[in-house]
Protein backbone atom coordinates (compact mmCIF):
# COMPACT_ATOMS: atom_id res chain seq x y z
CA UNK A 1 0.14 0.03 -0.08
CA UNK A 2 1.42 3.41 -1.05
CA UNK A 3 1.28 6.16 1.60
CA UNK A 4 3.33 9.02 3.15
CA UNK A 5 2.32 8.94 6.71
CA UNK A 6 0.72 6.32 8.87
CA UNK A 7 -2.20 8.46 9.42
CA UNK A 8 -3.08 8.83 5.67
CA UNK A 9 -5.84 6.83 3.92
CA UNK A 10 -4.63 4.30 1.26
CA UNK A 11 -5.52 5.29 -2.29
CA UNK A 12 -8.81 3.99 -3.00
CA UNK A 13 -7.99 3.09 -6.48
CA UNK A 14 -4.25 2.74 -7.39
CA UNK A 15 -4.09 -0.40 -9.46
CA UNK A 16 -0.67 -2.15 -10.43
CA UNK A 17 0.24 -2.67 -14.21
CA UNK A 18 -1.11 -6.07 -15.49
CA UNK A 19 2.50 -7.04 -15.99
CA UNK A 20 3.19 -6.64 -12.22
CA UNK A 21 0.20 -8.80 -11.21
CA UNK A 22 1.44 -11.29 -13.87
CA UNK A 23 4.94 -11.38 -12.34
CA UNK A 24 3.39 -11.80 -8.86
CA UNK A 25 1.00 -14.64 -9.75
CA UNK A 26 3.74 -16.52 -11.70
CA UNK A 27 6.38 -15.64 -9.15
CA UNK A 28 9.00 -15.14 -11.91
CA UNK A 29 11.79 -12.70 -12.42
CA UNK A 30 11.21 -9.59 -14.70
CA UNK A 31 13.71 -11.17 -16.97
CA UNK A 32 11.94 -14.15 -17.46
CA UNK A 33 8.46 -12.20 -18.10
CA UNK A 34 10.20 -10.11 -20.73
CA UNK A 35 11.49 -13.03 -22.48
CA UNK A 36 7.83 -14.60 -22.55
CA UNK A 37 6.26 -11.47 -23.61
CA UNK A 38 8.89 -11.14 -26.53
CA UNK A 39 8.07 -14.82 -27.52
CA UNK A 40 4.27 -13.84 -27.41
CA UNK A 41 3.55 -16.17 -24.74
CA UNK A 42 1.82 -14.07 -22.11
CA UNK A 43 -0.55 -11.79 -24.27
CA UNK A 44 -3.67 -13.75 -23.52
CA UNK A 45 -3.27 -13.87 -19.71
CA UNK A 46 -2.26 -9.90 -19.75
CA UNK A 47 -5.51 -9.33 -21.46
CA UNK A 48 -7.22 -11.23 -18.84
CA UNK A 49 -5.62 -9.37 -15.93
CA UNK A 50 -6.18 -6.03 -17.77
CA UNK A 51 -10.02 -6.94 -18.18
CA UNK A 52 -10.34 -7.64 -14.48
CA UNK A 53 -8.54 -4.71 -13.49
CA UNK A 54 -10.48 -2.30 -15.57
CA UNK A 55 -13.75 -3.80 -14.40
CA UNK A 56 -12.55 -3.77 -10.59
CA UNK A 57 -12.83 -7.54 -10.37
CA UNK A 58 -9.38 -7.48 -9.17
CA UNK A 59 -9.56 -5.38 -6.02
CA UNK A 60 -8.71 -5.52 -2.15
CA UNK A 61 -11.60 -7.81 -1.69
CA UNK A 62 -9.87 -10.64 -3.54
CA UNK A 63 -6.21 -9.66 -2.58
CA UNK A 64 -4.25 -12.28 -0.50
CA UNK A 65 -3.18 -9.38 1.85
CA UNK A 66 -6.79 -8.24 2.68
CA UNK A 67 -7.82 -9.86 5.95
CA UNK A 68 -11.05 -9.17 8.18
CA UNK A 69 -11.12 -5.72 6.56
CA UNK A 70 -7.61 -4.87 7.00
CA UNK A 71 -4.65 -4.62 4.71
CA UNK A 72 -1.75 -6.54 6.60
CA UNK A 73 0.81 -4.49 4.83
CA UNK A 74 -0.35 -1.06 6.47
CA UNK A 75 -2.43 -2.43 9.20
CA UNK A 76 -4.95 -0.17 8.02
CA UNK A 77 -8.71 -0.68 7.37
CA UNK A 78 -9.58 -0.49 3.65
CA UNK A 79 -12.72 -1.20 1.61
CA UNK A 80 -12.99 -4.36 -0.47
CA UNK A 81 -13.49 -2.28 -3.66
CA UNK A 82 -10.14 -0.40 -3.37
CA UNK A 83 -6.83 -1.60 -4.81
CA UNK A 84 -3.18 -0.77 -4.45
CA UNK A 85 0.06 -1.62 -6.32
CA UNK A 86 0.92 -4.33 -3.79
CA UNK A 87 -2.11 -6.25 -5.02
CA UNK A 88 -1.62 -10.16 -5.29
CA UNK A 89 -5.01 -12.08 -5.93
CA UNK A 90 -5.89 -14.97 -3.63
CA UNK A 91 -5.09 -18.41 -5.13
CA UNK A 92 -8.76 -19.03 -6.07
CA UNK A 93 -9.16 -15.70 -7.85
CA UNK A 94 -6.20 -16.26 -10.24
CA UNK A 95 -8.39 -17.85 -12.94
CA UNK A 96 -11.73 -16.25 -12.37
CA UNK A 97 -13.22 -18.23 -15.28
CA UNK A 98 -12.77 -21.63 -13.49
CA UNK A 99 -14.23 -22.84 -10.13
CA UNK A 100 -11.59 -23.38 -7.53
CA UNK A 101 -13.14 -26.74 -6.30
CA UNK A 102 -13.35 -28.16 -9.57
CA UNK A 103 -10.38 -30.51 -9.98
CA UNK A 104 -11.08 -31.28 -13.58
CA UNK A 105 -8.85 -33.73 -15.57
CA UNK A 106 -6.98 -32.26 -18.43
CA UNK A 107 -9.65 -33.59 -20.72
CA UNK A 108 -12.10 -30.69 -19.37
CA UNK A 109 -9.51 -27.90 -19.48
CA UNK A 110 -11.48 -26.01 -22.23
CA UNK A 111 -14.92 -26.34 -20.08
CA UNK A 112 -16.36 -22.84 -19.14
CA UNK A 113 -18.30 -22.71 -16.14
CA UNK A 114 -18.94 -19.06 -16.24
CA UNK A 115 -22.33 -17.14 -16.98
CA UNK A 116 -24.33 -19.46 -14.57
CA UNK A 117 -25.43 -16.72 -12.18
CA UNK A 118 -29.29 -16.41 -11.92
CA UNK A 119 -30.50 -12.98 -13.36
CA UNK A 120 -32.65 -12.35 -9.98
CA UNK A 121 -31.16 -11.46 -6.69
CA UNK A 122 -31.88 -13.75 -3.63
CA UNK A 123 -34.38 -11.25 -2.15
CA UNK A 124 -36.26 -11.11 -5.40
CA UNK A 125 -36.59 -15.08 -5.52
CA UNK A 126 -37.87 -14.95 -2.01
CA UNK A 127 -40.61 -12.58 -3.39
CA UNK A 128 -41.83 -14.98 -6.09
CA UNK A 129 -44.65 -17.52 -6.05
CA UNK A 130 -44.22 -20.68 -3.77
CA UNK A 131 -43.82 -22.62 -7.00
CA UNK A 132 -41.01 -20.37 -8.24
CA UNK A 133 -39.40 -20.60 -5.05
CA UNK A 134 -39.31 -24.38 -5.13
CA UNK A 135 -37.85 -24.44 -8.64
CA UNK A 136 -35.12 -22.16 -7.39
CA UNK A 137 -34.44 -24.43 -4.57
CA UNK A 138 -33.99 -27.44 -6.89
CA UNK A 139 -31.85 -25.33 -9.02
CA UNK A 140 -29.61 -24.50 -6.13
CA UNK A 141 -29.55 -28.18 -5.14
CA UNK A 142 -28.66 -29.11 -8.70
CA UNK A 143 -25.75 -26.64 -8.57
CA UNK A 144 -24.43 -27.88 -5.26
CA UNK A 145 -24.59 -31.53 -6.45
CA UNK A 146 -22.85 -30.42 -9.77
CA UNK A 147 -20.09 -28.78 -7.90
CA UNK A 148 -19.82 -31.96 -5.77
CA UNK A 149 -19.25 -33.99 -8.94
CA UNK A 150 -22.47 -35.91 -8.16
CA UNK A 151 -23.51 -35.49 -11.87
CA UNK A 152 -26.29 -38.02 -12.44
CA UNK A 153 -28.10 -36.54 -9.31
CA UNK A 154 -27.40 -32.85 -10.52
CA UNK A 155 -29.05 -33.85 -13.89
CA UNK A 156 -32.18 -35.05 -12.35
CA UNK A 157 -32.33 -31.69 -10.46
CA UNK A 158 -31.90 -29.67 -13.59
CA UNK A 159 -34.45 -31.84 -15.43
CA UNK A 160 -37.12 -31.05 -12.76
CA UNK A 161 -36.39 -27.29 -13.09
CA UNK A 162 -36.74 -27.68 -16.80
CA UNK A 163 -40.03 -29.48 -16.63
CA UNK A 164 -41.44 -26.47 -14.73
CA UNK A 165 -39.34 -23.72 -16.87
CA UNK A 166 -38.41 -25.40 -20.14
CA UNK A 167 -36.57 -21.98 -21.23
CA UNK A 168 -34.57 -21.86 -18.14
CA UNK A 169 -31.10 -21.01 -19.53
CA UNK A 170 -28.91 -21.43 -16.39
CA UNK A 171 -30.58 -24.95 -15.93
CA UNK A 172 -29.90 -25.74 -19.63
CA UNK A 173 -26.12 -24.61 -19.18
CA UNK A 174 -25.50 -26.64 -16.15
CA UNK A 175 -27.20 -29.81 -17.59
CA UNK A 176 -25.13 -29.49 -20.75
CA UNK A 177 -21.90 -29.05 -18.64
CA UNK A 178 -22.95 -32.27 -16.62
CA UNK A 179 -23.63 -34.17 -19.73
CA UNK A 180 -20.05 -33.21 -21.09
CA UNK A 181 -18.44 -34.42 -17.91
CA UNK A 182 -20.33 -37.64 -18.26
CA UNK A 183 -18.93 -37.85 -21.74
CA UNK A 184 -22.55 -37.84 -23.29
CA UNK A 185 -21.36 -35.59 -25.95
CA UNK A 186 -24.29 -35.95 -28.57
CA UNK A 187 -26.80 -35.19 -25.65
CA UNK A 188 -24.82 -32.06 -24.36
CA UNK A 189 -24.51 -30.77 -27.94
CA UNK A 190 -28.56 -30.94 -28.15
CA UNK A 191 -28.81 -29.10 -24.83
CA UNK A 192 -26.39 -26.42 -25.79
CA UNK A 193 -28.22 -25.72 -28.97
CA UNK A 194 -31.43 -25.49 -27.16
CA UNK A 195 -29.87 -22.99 -24.73
CA UNK A 196 -28.26 -20.94 -27.76
CA UNK A 197 -31.89 -20.29 -29.01
CA UNK A 198 -32.67 -18.78 -25.68
CA UNK A 199 -29.41 -16.70 -25.00
CA UNK A 200 -27.03 -16.60 -28.03
CA UNK A 201 -24.89 -13.87 -26.38
CA UNK A 202 -23.42 -15.92 -23.74
CA UNK A 203 -19.76 -16.62 -24.29
CA UNK A 204 -19.40 -19.63 -22.06
CA UNK A 205 -22.12 -21.42 -23.86
CA UNK A 206 -20.31 -21.07 -27.16
CA UNK A 207 -17.11 -22.42 -25.50
CA UNK A 208 -18.74 -25.47 -24.31
CA UNK A 209 -20.57 -26.00 -27.48
CA UNK A 210 -17.26 -25.90 -29.16
CA UNK A 211 -15.97 -28.41 -26.75
CA UNK A 212 -18.77 -30.78 -27.39
CA UNK A 213 -18.21 -30.45 -31.23
CA UNK A 214 -14.44 -31.04 -30.75
CA UNK A 215 -15.27 -34.19 -28.77
CA UNK A 216 -17.61 -35.49 -31.64
CA UNK A 217 -14.80 -34.70 -34.23
CA UNK A 218 -16.69 -31.83 -35.90
CA UNK A 219 -13.66 -29.60 -35.91
CA UNK A 220 -14.74 -26.65 -38.40
CA UNK A 221 -17.95 -26.21 -36.43
CA UNK A 222 -16.10 -26.39 -33.10
CA UNK A 223 -13.62 -23.62 -34.41
CA UNK A 224 -16.72 -21.32 -35.49
CA UNK A 225 -18.21 -21.87 -31.92
CA UNK A 226 -14.88 -20.95 -30.16
CA UNK A 227 -14.61 -17.92 -32.40
CA UNK A 228 -17.99 -16.74 -31.60
CA UNK A 229 -17.22 -17.32 -27.93
CA UNK A 230 -14.05 -15.03 -28.37
CA UNK A 231 -16.07 -12.29 -30.29
CA UNK A 232 -18.40 -12.02 -27.25
CA UNK A 233 -15.75 -12.00 -24.72
CA UNK A 234 -12.11 -11.74 -25.92
CA UNK A 235 -10.47 -12.44 -22.73
CA UNK A 236 -11.59 -16.04 -22.06
CA UNK A 237 -8.76 -18.46 -21.35
CA UNK A 238 -10.71 -21.48 -22.11
CA UNK A 239 -11.98 -20.39 -25.75
CA UNK A 240 -8.56 -19.31 -26.68
CA UNK A 241 -7.06 -22.59 -25.58
CA UNK A 242 -10.16 -24.51 -27.23
CA UNK A 243 -9.45 -22.55 -30.58
CA UNK A 244 -5.77 -23.26 -30.53
CA UNK A 245 -6.44 -27.03 -30.08
CA UNK A 246 -9.00 -27.33 -32.85
CA UNK A 247 -6.86 -25.38 -35.19
CA UNK A 248 -4.03 -27.93 -34.69
CA UNK A 249 -6.53 -30.66 -35.40
CA UNK A 250 -7.72 -28.98 -38.53
CA UNK A 251 -4.27 -28.71 -39.73
CA UNK A 252 -3.52 -32.25 -39.12
CA UNK A 253 -6.55 -33.26 -41.10
CA UNK A 254 -5.53 -30.99 -43.83
CA UNK A 255 -2.09 -32.62 -43.93
CA UNK A 256 -3.38 -36.05 -43.87
CA UNK A 257 -5.80 -35.07 -46.70
CA UNK A 258 -2.73 -34.23 -48.87
CA UNK A 259 -1.33 -37.46 -48.05
CA UNK A 260 -4.55 -39.21 -49.16
CA UNK A 261 -4.58 -37.27 -52.32
CA UNK A 262 -0.97 -38.23 -53.14
CA UNK A 263 -1.70 -41.83 -52.66
CA UNK A 264 -4.99 -41.67 -54.74
CA UNK A 265 -2.85 -40.23 -57.42
CA UNK A 266 -1.04 -43.41 -57.59
CA UNK A 267 -4.18 -45.79 -56.93
CA UNK A 268 -7.49 -43.92 -57.60
CA UNK A 269 -9.27 -46.99 -56.55
CA UNK A 270 -7.77 -47.67 -53.32
CA UNK A 271 -11.14 -48.04 -51.16
CA UNK A 272 -9.44 -47.66 -47.67
CA UNK A 273 -7.80 -44.45 -48.75
CA UNK A 274 -11.13 -43.08 -50.00
CA UNK A 275 -12.71 -44.12 -46.95
CA UNK A 276 -10.04 -42.32 -44.80
CA UNK A 277 -10.43 -39.23 -47.09
CA UNK A 278 -14.24 -39.29 -46.41
CA UNK A 279 -13.82 -39.10 -42.79
CA UNK A 280 -11.16 -36.35 -43.11
CA UNK A 281 -13.63 -34.26 -45.15
CA UNK A 282 -16.19 -34.80 -42.57
CA UNK A 283 -14.15 -33.56 -39.74
CA UNK A 284 -13.49 -30.45 -41.75
CA UNK A 285 -17.20 -29.88 -42.18
CA UNK A 286 -16.89 -30.65 -46.01
CA UNK A 287 -20.13 -32.63 -46.33
CA UNK A 288 -20.44 -32.99 -50.06
CA UNK A 289 -16.78 -34.06 -50.66
CA UNK A 290 -17.25 -36.52 -47.83
CA UNK A 291 -20.38 -38.11 -49.33
CA UNK A 292 -18.63 -38.50 -52.72
CA UNK A 293 -15.46 -40.11 -51.01
CA UNK A 294 -17.82 -42.70 -49.18
CA UNK A 295 -19.86 -43.41 -52.32
CA UNK A 296 -16.74 -44.10 -54.29
CA UNK A 297 -15.30 -46.16 -51.47
CA UNK A 298 -18.44 -48.13 -51.45
CA UNK A 299 -18.64 -48.81 -54.87
CA UNK A 300 -15.49 -50.49 -54.63
CA UNK A 301 -15.85 -52.14 -51.26
CA UNK A 302 -19.54 -52.39 -50.36
CA UNK A 303 -18.84 -54.42 -47.16
CA UNK A 304 -17.39 -51.53 -45.35
CA UNK A 305 -20.17 -50.95 -42.58
CA UNK A 306 -18.49 -47.85 -41.03
CA UNK A 307 -18.49 -46.21 -44.38
CA UNK A 308 -22.33 -46.82 -44.82
CA UNK A 309 -22.93 -45.41 -41.28
CA UNK A 310 -20.80 -42.23 -41.82
CA UNK A 311 -22.72 -41.75 -45.07
CA UNK A 312 -25.95 -42.16 -43.44
CA UNK A 313 -25.02 -39.63 -40.82
CA UNK A 314 -24.28 -37.04 -43.73
CA UNK A 315 -27.53 -38.00 -45.44
CA UNK A 316 -29.59 -37.56 -42.31
CA UNK A 317 -28.06 -34.13 -41.50
CA UNK A 318 -28.97 -32.96 -45.01
CA UNK A 319 -32.55 -34.11 -44.46
CA UNK A 320 -32.64 -37.24 -46.74
CA UNK A 321 -34.17 -39.52 -43.94
CA UNK A 322 -35.16 -42.48 -46.28
CA UNK A 323 -31.83 -42.46 -47.92
CA UNK A 324 -29.99 -42.28 -44.69
CA UNK A 325 -32.18 -45.02 -43.27
CA UNK A 326 -31.18 -47.35 -45.98
CA UNK A 327 -27.36 -46.61 -45.34
CA UNK A 328 -27.80 -47.56 -41.72
CA UNK A 329 -29.65 -50.70 -42.48
CA UNK A 330 -26.84 -51.60 -44.73
CA UNK A 331 -24.37 -51.03 -41.83
CA UNK A 332 -26.37 -53.18 -39.35
CA UNK A 333 -26.80 -55.91 -41.70
CA UNK A 334 -22.98 -55.86 -42.38
CA UNK A 335 -22.06 -55.65 -38.74
CA UNK A 336 -25.07 -56.39 -36.33
CA UNK A 337 -23.06 -55.57 -33.27
CA UNK A 338 -22.50 -52.08 -34.35
CA UNK A 339 -23.92 -49.80 -31.77
CA UNK A 340 -23.37 -46.39 -33.48
CA UNK A 341 -25.10 -47.59 -36.57
CA UNK A 342 -27.98 -48.69 -34.40
CA UNK A 343 -28.01 -45.48 -32.63
CA UNK A 344 -28.27 -43.29 -35.83
CA UNK A 345 -30.87 -45.71 -37.04
CA UNK A 346 -33.00 -44.94 -33.96
CA UNK A 347 -32.65 -41.06 -34.64
CA UNK A 348 -33.91 -41.54 -38.22
CA UNK A 349 -36.85 -43.63 -37.01
CA UNK A 350 -37.69 -40.94 -34.51
CA UNK A 351 -37.45 -38.28 -37.11
CA UNK A 352 -39.87 -40.44 -39.21
CA UNK A 353 -42.28 -40.78 -35.98
CA UNK A 354 -41.79 -44.63 -36.01
CA UNK A 355 -41.46 -44.71 -32.17
CA UNK A 356 -41.40 -48.43 -31.87
CA UNK A 357 -38.65 -48.75 -34.44
CA UNK A 358 -36.74 -45.93 -32.63
CA UNK A 359 -37.07 -47.55 -29.17
CA UNK A 360 -35.91 -50.84 -30.51
CA UNK A 361 -32.75 -49.35 -32.23
CA UNK A 362 -31.79 -47.35 -29.20
CA UNK A 363 -32.22 -50.44 -26.86
CA UNK A 364 -29.96 -52.46 -28.95
CA UNK A 365 -27.46 -49.60 -29.31
CA UNK A 366 -27.50 -49.31 -25.44
CA UNK A 367 -27.03 -52.93 -24.65
CA UNK A 368 -24.14 -52.97 -27.34
CA UNK A 369 -22.40 -50.18 -25.70
CA UNK A 370 -22.86 -51.49 -22.54
CA UNK A 371 -21.48 -54.78 -23.48
CA UNK A 372 -18.34 -53.17 -24.76
CA UNK A 373 -17.95 -51.22 -21.24
CA UNK A 374 -18.96 -47.62 -22.88
CA UNK A 375 -21.49 -46.72 -20.12
CA UNK A 376 -21.56 -43.18 -20.98
CA UNK A 377 -22.81 -43.82 -24.62
CA UNK A 378 -25.23 -46.46 -23.26
CA UNK A 379 -26.59 -43.82 -21.04
CA UNK A 380 -27.10 -41.42 -23.94
CA UNK A 381 -29.12 -44.33 -25.71
CA UNK A 382 -31.18 -45.05 -22.67
CA UNK A 383 -31.87 -41.28 -22.14
CA UNK A 384 -33.59 -41.28 -25.73
CA UNK A 385 -35.72 -44.24 -24.62
CA UNK A 386 -36.83 -42.53 -21.62
CA UNK A 387 -37.78 -39.45 -23.47
CA UNK A 388 -39.92 -41.65 -25.71
CA UNK A 389 -41.63 -43.05 -22.81
CA UNK A 390 -42.47 -39.66 -21.43
CA UNK A 391 -43.47 -38.14 -24.75
CA UNK A 392 -40.63 -35.67 -24.67
CA UNK A 393 -38.65 -37.01 -27.63
């Protein structure tokens, strides 16, 4: 705290430079910081710190030297919204876009948990109807369960909220995050897409939508989602990391695509290379090119069940339900223990309003995934069956 006399009040707002905060957080010499800066390695984190300082997110209230209303350097009482050049954030406030109690594995490092706060204050919620207060209590219970890692119980709580309030954005956001952590990526994507129709300006939502698309190997779409998130809020650690990761995967796909082209110049009718080429086009969001590659591969090698399944997925997405159903039926006939094909077949039956066919296909997919030890995928399929039973498919 900067002051000339012991009796003087500390400056109410005298923030340090973002670089000073960075050096203190990382506990590194200035020379190391300067080297990293010259290499372009600290730009994003400096932007985050600057953003927090400008908006007074970083302040005495979250300083490691602010205890019981006093600054332990000066032994003077300070207000929580003040700041001085001695500021060092408490550990749990170093990364404000992540929960201090999460303990996620590296696989979830791009998952954003910001933007979950309710629009109403607690006093406003208490003033609501008994039904509204009950829904809020269930929501809070779901949040607590989510933070404890009891994700299946959290899902049930958020589903109860959504039964009463289908357009509750925060409940949808939490449900999507729970599904992501349970590795039920198809379901998570559906939930985030629903949430985006309610609030398309939530940066954290687009980050997590990008995360789900990355897990589903839809890299071009994932990139668009991360870029949308960054446009809405340029200082997000998770969105930038997600974008960097997905760009690396896109670059790798493009390199492999060039290799496939060279192989096909030598042997244009190599069905395996054509199949791999189709998968690469699919990951890059090049649907038409993928369809053509799969079609040519199947003309040469019609027993490729995976090619039929992927071709069916593209046709279904394009709105050609009957053609996609034919492709999935070919896949399941060639390989009866192929859960992905059965699952996609169930989705087509659902779209065609053949509920009995959909239920049967989802059940087979669930049983097959269960037998292979893929419990998350099995849960995904069983949830489809549950929705059929409840009439919410």
